[in-house]
Amino acid sequence: MSLSAYVPILGLFALAAGFALFSVATSLVVGPKRYNRAKLAAYECGIEPSPTPTGGGRFPIKFYLTAMLFIIFDIEIIFLYPWAVSFNALGLFGFVEMILFIATVFVAYAYVWRRGGLDWD
């Protein structure tokens, strides 16, 4: 297998990195520099930020559960796209395997829903 097939992908990565660096550098040079107390303060949805307790604040477990649920369903979508592209080549075996995969994810979703993991208190 020739590495020349990867040259366009590497070129695209280089172009994206160059554009990102150019954008950040340009905004630092051209952008306004009007700092004041309000811009330097932490923003917490319009309310005054509360002082952080010593040792750092603790986040409720709901934040982590929500993040894990997002990752699970995001990974499901990542698996669905290639399957949809090669659906005809996979045949009945691929269809049955995807049904089992979606059923497994749905069981996990139903469990989390039943346990109240999707309720935001």
N, C-alpha and C. Protein backbone atom coordinates (compact mmCIF):
# COMPACT_ATOMS: atom_id res chain seq x y z
N MET A 1 0.84 -1.18 0.00
CA MET A 1 0.00 0.00 0.00
C MET A 1 0.89 1.24 0.00
N SER A 2 0.55 2.15 -0.84
CA SER A 2 1.35 3.35 -1.01
C SER A 2 0.93 4.43 -0.01
N LEU A 3 1.91 5.16 0.47
CA LEU A 3 1.61 6.25 1.39
C LEU A 3 1.12 7.49 0.66
N SER A 4 1.18 7.50 -0.65
CA SER A 4 0.74 8.67 -1.41
C SER A 4 -0.77 8.88 -1.29
N ALA A 5 -1.49 7.85 -0.93
CA ALA A 5 -2.93 8.00 -0.75
C ALA A 5 -3.25 8.86 0.47
N TYR A 6 -2.32 8.97 1.42
CA TYR A 6 -2.55 9.74 2.63
C TYR A 6 -2.11 11.20 2.51
N VAL A 7 -1.49 11.56 1.41
CA VAL A 7 -1.00 12.94 1.24
C VAL A 7 -2.15 13.96 1.29
N PRO A 8 -3.29 13.73 0.64
CA PRO A 8 -4.38 14.72 0.75
C PRO A 8 -4.88 14.89 2.18
N ILE A 9 -4.93 13.81 2.95
CA ILE A 9 -5.38 13.90 4.33
C ILE A 9 -4.39 14.70 5.16
N LEU A 10 -3.10 14.42 4.98
CA LEU A 10 -2.08 15.19 5.70
C LEU A 10 -2.11 16.66 5.29
N GLY A 11 -2.34 16.91 4.00
CA GLY A 11 -2.47 18.29 3.54
C GLY A 11 -3.65 19.00 4.18
N LEU A 12 -4.76 18.29 4.32
CA LEU A 12 -5.93 18.87 4.96
C LEU A 12 -5.67 19.18 6.42
N PHE A 13 -4.98 18.27 7.12
CA PHE A 13 -4.62 18.54 8.52
C PHE A 13 -3.69 19.74 8.63
N ALA A 14 -2.72 19.82 7.73
CA ALA A 14 -1.79 20.95 7.75
C ALA A 14 -2.52 22.25 7.45
N LEU A 15 -3.44 22.24 6.51
CA LEU A 15 -4.23 23.43 6.20
C LEU A 15 -5.09 23.85 7.39
N ALA A 16 -5.71 22.89 8.05
CA ALA A 16 -6.55 23.20 9.21
C ALA A 16 -5.71 23.76 10.35
N ALA A 17 -4.56 23.16 10.62
CA ALA A 17 -3.68 23.66 11.68
C ALA A 17 -3.17 25.05 11.35
N GLY A 18 -2.79 25.26 10.09
CA GLY A 18 -2.32 26.59 9.68
C GLY A 18 -3.41 27.64 9.82
N PHE A 19 -4.63 27.30 9.43
CA PHE A 19 -5.73 28.25 9.57
C PHE A 19 -6.01 28.56 11.04
N ALA A 20 -5.97 27.54 11.90
CA ALA A 20 -6.21 27.76 13.33
C ALA A 20 -5.13 28.67 13.93
N LEU A 21 -3.87 28.40 13.62
CA LEU A 21 -2.79 29.23 14.14
C LEU A 21 -2.87 30.65 13.59
N PHE A 22 -3.18 30.79 12.31
CA PHE A 22 -3.32 32.11 11.71
C PHE A 22 -4.46 32.89 12.37
N SER A 23 -5.59 32.24 12.62
CA SER A 23 -6.74 32.91 13.22
C SER A 23 -6.43 33.39 14.64
N VAL A 24 -5.79 32.54 15.43
CA VAL A 24 -5.46 32.92 16.80
C VAL A 24 -4.43 34.05 16.82
N ALA A 25 -3.41 33.93 16.00
CA ALA A 25 -2.38 34.97 15.96
C ALA A 25 -2.95 36.30 15.49
N THR A 26 -3.81 36.27 14.47
CA THR A 26 -4.41 37.50 13.96
C THR A 26 -5.31 38.14 15.01
N SER A 27 -6.09 37.35 15.72
CA SER A 27 -6.97 37.93 16.74
C SER A 27 -6.18 38.54 17.89
N LEU A 28 -5.03 37.96 18.22
CA LEU A 28 -4.20 38.54 19.27
C LEU A 28 -3.60 39.87 18.85
N VAL A 29 -3.23 39.99 17.57
CA VAL A 29 -2.60 41.22 17.08
C VAL A 29 -3.64 42.29 16.78
N VAL A 30 -4.71 41.94 16.11
CA VAL A 30 -5.68 42.91 15.62
C VAL A 30 -6.78 43.22 16.63
N GLY A 31 -7.13 42.27 17.49
CA GLY A 31 -8.26 42.42 18.39
C GLY A 31 -8.09 43.55 19.40
N PRO A 32 -9.21 44.10 19.89
CA PRO A 32 -9.13 45.17 20.88
C PRO A 32 -8.62 44.64 22.22
N LYS A 33 -7.96 45.50 22.94
CA LYS A 33 -7.41 45.14 24.25
C LYS A 33 -7.94 46.11 25.30
N ARG A 34 -9.23 46.05 25.55
CA ARG A 34 -9.86 46.91 26.54
C ARG A 34 -10.29 46.05 27.72
N TYR A 35 -9.38 45.88 28.65
CA TYR A 35 -9.67 45.06 29.82
C TYR A 35 -10.30 45.94 30.89
N ASN A 36 -11.30 45.40 31.56
CA ASN A 36 -11.87 46.06 32.72
C ASN A 36 -12.26 44.99 33.73
N ARG A 37 -12.74 45.42 34.86
CA ARG A 37 -13.05 44.49 35.95
C ARG A 37 -14.11 43.47 35.55
N ALA A 38 -15.11 43.92 34.80
CA ALA A 38 -16.20 43.02 34.42
C ALA A 38 -15.72 41.94 33.44
N LYS A 39 -14.82 42.29 32.53
CA LYS A 39 -14.34 41.30 31.57
C LYS A 39 -13.39 40.30 32.20
N LEU A 40 -12.69 40.69 33.24
CA LEU A 40 -11.75 39.78 33.88
C LEU A 40 -12.41 38.90 34.94
N ALA A 41 -13.65 39.20 35.32
CA ALA A 41 -14.34 38.41 36.34
C ALA A 41 -14.89 37.12 35.72
N ALA A 42 -15.02 36.11 36.54
CA ALA A 42 -15.62 34.85 36.09
C ALA A 42 -17.11 35.06 35.82
N TYR A 43 -17.61 34.42 34.79
CA TYR A 43 -19.01 34.56 34.42
C TYR A 43 -19.76 33.28 34.75
N GLU A 44 -20.79 33.41 35.57
CA GLU A 44 -21.61 32.25 35.95
C GLU A 44 -23.08 32.56 35.69
N CYS A 45 -23.44 32.63 34.46
CA CYS A 45 -24.84 32.80 34.04
C CYS A 45 -25.49 34.04 34.63
N GLY A 46 -24.78 35.10 34.76
CA GLY A 46 -25.37 36.35 35.21
C GLY A 46 -25.43 36.55 36.70
N ILE A 47 -25.06 35.56 37.50
CA ILE A 47 -25.08 35.74 38.95
C ILE A 47 -23.66 35.92 39.44
N GLU A 48 -23.52 36.51 40.58
CA GLU A 48 -22.19 36.72 41.14
C GLU A 48 -21.56 35.36 41.47
N PRO A 49 -20.29 35.17 41.09
CA PRO A 49 -19.65 33.89 41.40
C PRO A 49 -19.45 33.72 42.90
N SER A 50 -19.69 32.53 43.36
CA SER A 50 -19.51 32.25 44.78
C SER A 50 -18.05 31.89 45.03
N PRO A 51 -17.54 32.20 46.20
CA PRO A 51 -16.14 31.84 46.47
C PRO A 51 -15.96 30.33 46.50
N THR A 52 -14.84 29.89 45.98
CA THR A 52 -14.55 28.46 45.93
C THR A 52 -14.08 27.99 47.30
N PRO A 53 -14.63 26.89 47.80
CA PRO A 53 -14.16 26.39 49.09
C PRO A 53 -12.72 25.89 49.00
N THR A 54 -12.05 25.84 50.12
CA THR A 54 -10.67 25.35 50.11
C THR A 54 -10.66 23.89 49.68
N GLY A 55 -9.71 23.55 48.88
CA GLY A 55 -9.64 22.19 48.36
C GLY A 55 -10.45 22.01 47.09
N GLY A 56 -11.06 23.08 46.58
CA GLY A 56 -11.84 23.00 45.34
C GLY A 56 -13.27 22.58 45.62
N GLY A 57 -14.14 22.95 44.72
CA GLY A 57 -15.55 22.58 44.87
C GLY A 57 -15.81 21.18 44.35
N ARG A 58 -16.85 20.57 44.85
CA ARG A 58 -17.22 19.23 44.40
C ARG A 58 -18.42 19.34 43.47
N PHE A 59 -18.36 18.61 42.38
CA PHE A 59 -19.46 18.59 41.42
C PHE A 59 -20.38 17.42 41.75
N PRO A 60 -21.68 17.62 41.61
CA PRO A 60 -22.60 16.49 41.80
C PRO A 60 -22.34 15.41 40.75
N ILE A 61 -22.65 14.19 41.09
CA ILE A 61 -22.42 13.05 40.21
C ILE A 61 -23.26 13.14 38.94
N LYS A 62 -24.35 13.92 38.97
CA LYS A 62 -25.22 14.07 37.80
C LYS A 62 -24.45 14.61 36.59
N PHE A 63 -23.48 15.49 36.82
CA PHE A 63 -22.69 16.04 35.72
C PHE A 63 -21.91 14.92 35.03
N TYR A 64 -21.31 14.05 35.79
CA TYR A 64 -20.51 12.97 35.22
C TYR A 64 -21.40 11.94 34.53
N LEU A 65 -22.56 11.65 35.11
CA LEU A 65 -23.48 10.70 34.47
C LEU A 65 -23.98 11.24 33.14
N THR A 66 -24.29 12.53 33.11
CA THR A 66 -24.74 13.13 31.86
C THR A 66 -23.64 13.07 30.81
N ALA A 67 -22.40 13.33 31.21
CA ALA A 67 -21.28 13.26 30.27
C ALA A 67 -21.10 11.84 29.75
N MET A 68 -21.20 10.85 30.62
CA MET A 68 -21.04 9.47 30.18
C MET A 68 -22.18 9.05 29.25
N LEU A 69 -23.41 9.49 29.53
CA LEU A 69 -24.51 9.18 28.63
C LEU A 69 -24.29 9.80 27.26
N PHE A 70 -23.81 11.02 27.24
CA PHE A 70 -23.52 11.67 25.97
C PHE A 70 -22.49 10.87 25.19
N ILE A 71 -21.45 10.42 25.85
CA ILE A 71 -20.39 9.67 25.18
C ILE A 71 -20.94 8.35 24.64
N ILE A 72 -21.78 7.67 25.41
CA ILE A 72 -22.35 6.40 24.97
C ILE A 72 -23.17 6.59 23.70
N PHE A 73 -24.05 7.60 23.68
CA PHE A 73 -24.89 7.79 22.51
C PHE A 73 -24.10 8.38 21.35
N ASP A 74 -23.05 9.11 21.64
CA ASP A 74 -22.18 9.61 20.59
C ASP A 74 -21.44 8.45 19.92
N ILE A 75 -20.98 7.51 20.70
CA ILE A 75 -20.30 6.34 20.14
C ILE A 75 -21.27 5.50 19.33
N GLU A 76 -22.52 5.44 19.75
CA GLU A 76 -23.51 4.70 18.97
C GLU A 76 -23.65 5.31 17.58
N ILE A 77 -23.70 6.61 17.51
CA ILE A 77 -23.81 7.27 16.21
C ILE A 77 -22.56 7.04 15.37
N ILE A 78 -21.40 7.03 16.02
CA ILE A 78 -20.15 6.78 15.30
C ILE A 78 -20.16 5.39 14.66
N PHE A 79 -20.78 4.42 15.32
CA PHE A 79 -20.87 3.07 14.75
C PHE A 79 -21.97 2.97 13.69
N LEU A 80 -22.99 3.81 13.78
CA LEU A 80 -24.09 3.72 12.83
C LEU A 80 -23.71 4.26 11.44
N TYR A 81 -22.89 5.28 11.37
CA TYR A 81 -22.53 5.85 10.07
C TYR A 81 -21.80 4.86 9.16
N PRO A 82 -20.72 4.23 9.61
CA PRO A 82 -20.07 3.27 8.70
C PRO A 82 -20.97 2.08 8.35
N TRP A 83 -21.80 1.68 9.30
CA TRP A 83 -22.71 0.58 9.02
C TRP A 83 -23.69 0.97 7.92
N ALA A 84 -24.20 2.20 7.97
CA ALA A 84 -25.15 2.65 6.96
C ALA A 84 -24.49 2.74 5.59
N VAL A 85 -23.22 3.13 5.56
CA VAL A 85 -22.51 3.25 4.29
C VAL A 85 -22.30 1.88 3.66
N SER A 86 -21.96 0.88 4.46
CA SER A 86 -21.67 -0.46 3.92
C SER A 86 -22.80 -1.44 4.18
N PHE A 87 -24.02 -0.93 4.27
CA PHE A 87 -25.17 -1.79 4.58
C PHE A 87 -25.36 -2.89 3.55
N ASN A 88 -25.28 -2.57 2.28
CA ASN A 88 -25.50 -3.58 1.23
C ASN A 88 -24.43 -4.66 1.24
N ALA A 89 -23.21 -4.30 1.56
CA ALA A 89 -22.12 -5.29 1.54
C ALA A 89 -22.19 -6.23 2.75
N LEU A 90 -22.76 -5.77 3.84
CA LEU A 90 -22.80 -6.59 5.06
C LEU A 90 -23.89 -7.65 5.03
N GLY A 91 -24.97 -7.37 4.34
CA GLY A 91 -26.05 -8.34 4.22
C GLY A 91 -26.83 -8.54 5.51
N LEU A 92 -27.42 -9.73 5.64
CA LEU A 92 -28.27 -10.04 6.79
C LEU A 92 -27.47 -10.08 8.09
N PHE A 93 -26.24 -10.57 8.03
CA PHE A 93 -25.41 -10.64 9.23
C PHE A 93 -25.19 -9.25 9.83
N GLY A 94 -24.84 -8.28 9.00
CA GLY A 94 -24.64 -6.91 9.47
C GLY A 94 -25.90 -6.31 10.03
N PHE A 95 -27.04 -6.63 9.40
CA PHE A 95 -28.32 -6.11 9.89
C PHE A 95 -28.65 -6.67 11.28
N VAL A 96 -28.47 -7.96 11.46
CA VAL A 96 -28.75 -8.59 12.77
C VAL A 96 -27.81 -8.07 13.84
N GLU A 97 -26.53 -7.91 13.50
CA GLU A 97 -25.57 -7.39 14.47
C GLU A 97 -25.92 -5.97 14.88
N MET A 98 -26.37 -5.14 13.95
CA MET A 98 -26.73 -3.76 14.30
C MET A 98 -28.00 -3.73 15.12
N ILE A 99 -28.93 -4.62 14.84
CA ILE A 99 -30.15 -4.70 15.67
C ILE A 99 -29.77 -5.07 17.10
N LEU A 100 -28.86 -6.03 17.27
CA LEU A 100 -28.41 -6.40 18.61
C LEU A 100 -27.69 -5.24 19.31
N PHE A 101 -26.87 -4.51 18.56
CA PHE A 101 -26.16 -3.37 19.14
C PHE A 101 -27.14 -2.29 19.57
N ILE A 102 -28.10 -1.94 18.73
CA ILE A 102 -29.07 -0.91 19.08
C ILE A 102 -29.94 -1.37 20.24
N ALA A 103 -30.30 -2.66 20.28
CA ALA A 103 -31.09 -3.18 21.39
C ALA A 103 -30.32 -3.07 22.70
N THR A 104 -29.02 -3.37 22.67
CA THR A 104 -28.20 -3.25 23.87
C THR A 104 -28.14 -1.81 24.36
N VAL A 105 -27.94 -0.88 23.44
CA VAL A 105 -27.90 0.54 23.82
C VAL A 105 -29.27 0.98 24.33
N PHE A 106 -30.35 0.49 23.72
CA PHE A 106 -31.69 0.86 24.18
C PHE A 106 -31.97 0.32 25.58
N VAL A 107 -31.49 -0.87 25.88
CA VAL A 107 -31.66 -1.41 27.23
C VAL A 107 -30.93 -0.53 28.25
N ALA A 108 -29.73 -0.08 27.91
CA ALA A 108 -28.99 0.82 28.79
C ALA A 108 -29.73 2.14 28.95
N TYR A 109 -30.29 2.66 27.86
CA TYR A 109 -31.06 3.90 27.91
C TYR A 109 -32.30 3.73 28.79
N ALA A 110 -33.03 2.64 28.62
CA ALA A 110 -34.23 2.40 29.43
C ALA A 110 -33.86 2.27 30.91
N TYR A 111 -32.75 1.62 31.20
CA TYR A 111 -32.30 1.48 32.59
C TYR A 111 -31.99 2.84 33.22
N VAL A 112 -31.27 3.66 32.48
CA VAL A 112 -30.92 4.99 33.00
C VAL A 112 -32.17 5.84 33.16
N TRP A 113 -33.08 5.74 32.21
CA TRP A 113 -34.32 6.51 32.28
C TRP A 113 -35.14 6.06 33.48
N ARG A 114 -35.24 4.76 33.70
CA ARG A 114 -36.02 4.21 34.81
C ARG A 114 -35.42 4.59 36.16
N ARG A 115 -34.10 4.64 36.23
CA ARG A 115 -33.42 4.99 37.48
C ARG A 115 -33.40 6.49 37.74
N GLY A 116 -33.90 7.29 36.82
CA GLY A 116 -33.96 8.74 37.01
C GLY A 116 -32.67 9.44 36.63
N GLY A 117 -31.83 8.80 35.84
CA GLY A 117 -30.58 9.43 35.43
C GLY A 117 -30.75 10.57 34.47
N LEU A 118 -31.90 10.67 33.82
CA LEU A 118 -32.14 11.75 32.88
C LEU A 118 -32.91 12.90 33.50
N ASP A 119 -33.34 12.76 34.75
CA ASP A 119 -34.04 13.85 35.44
C ASP A 119 -33.02 14.84 35.99
N TRP A 120 -33.20 16.09 35.64
CA TRP A 120 -32.27 17.12 36.10
C TRP A 120 -32.94 17.85 37.27
N ASP A 121 -32.48 17.55 38.46
CA ASP A 121 -33.09 18.14 39.67
C ASP A 121 -32.51 19.48 39.99
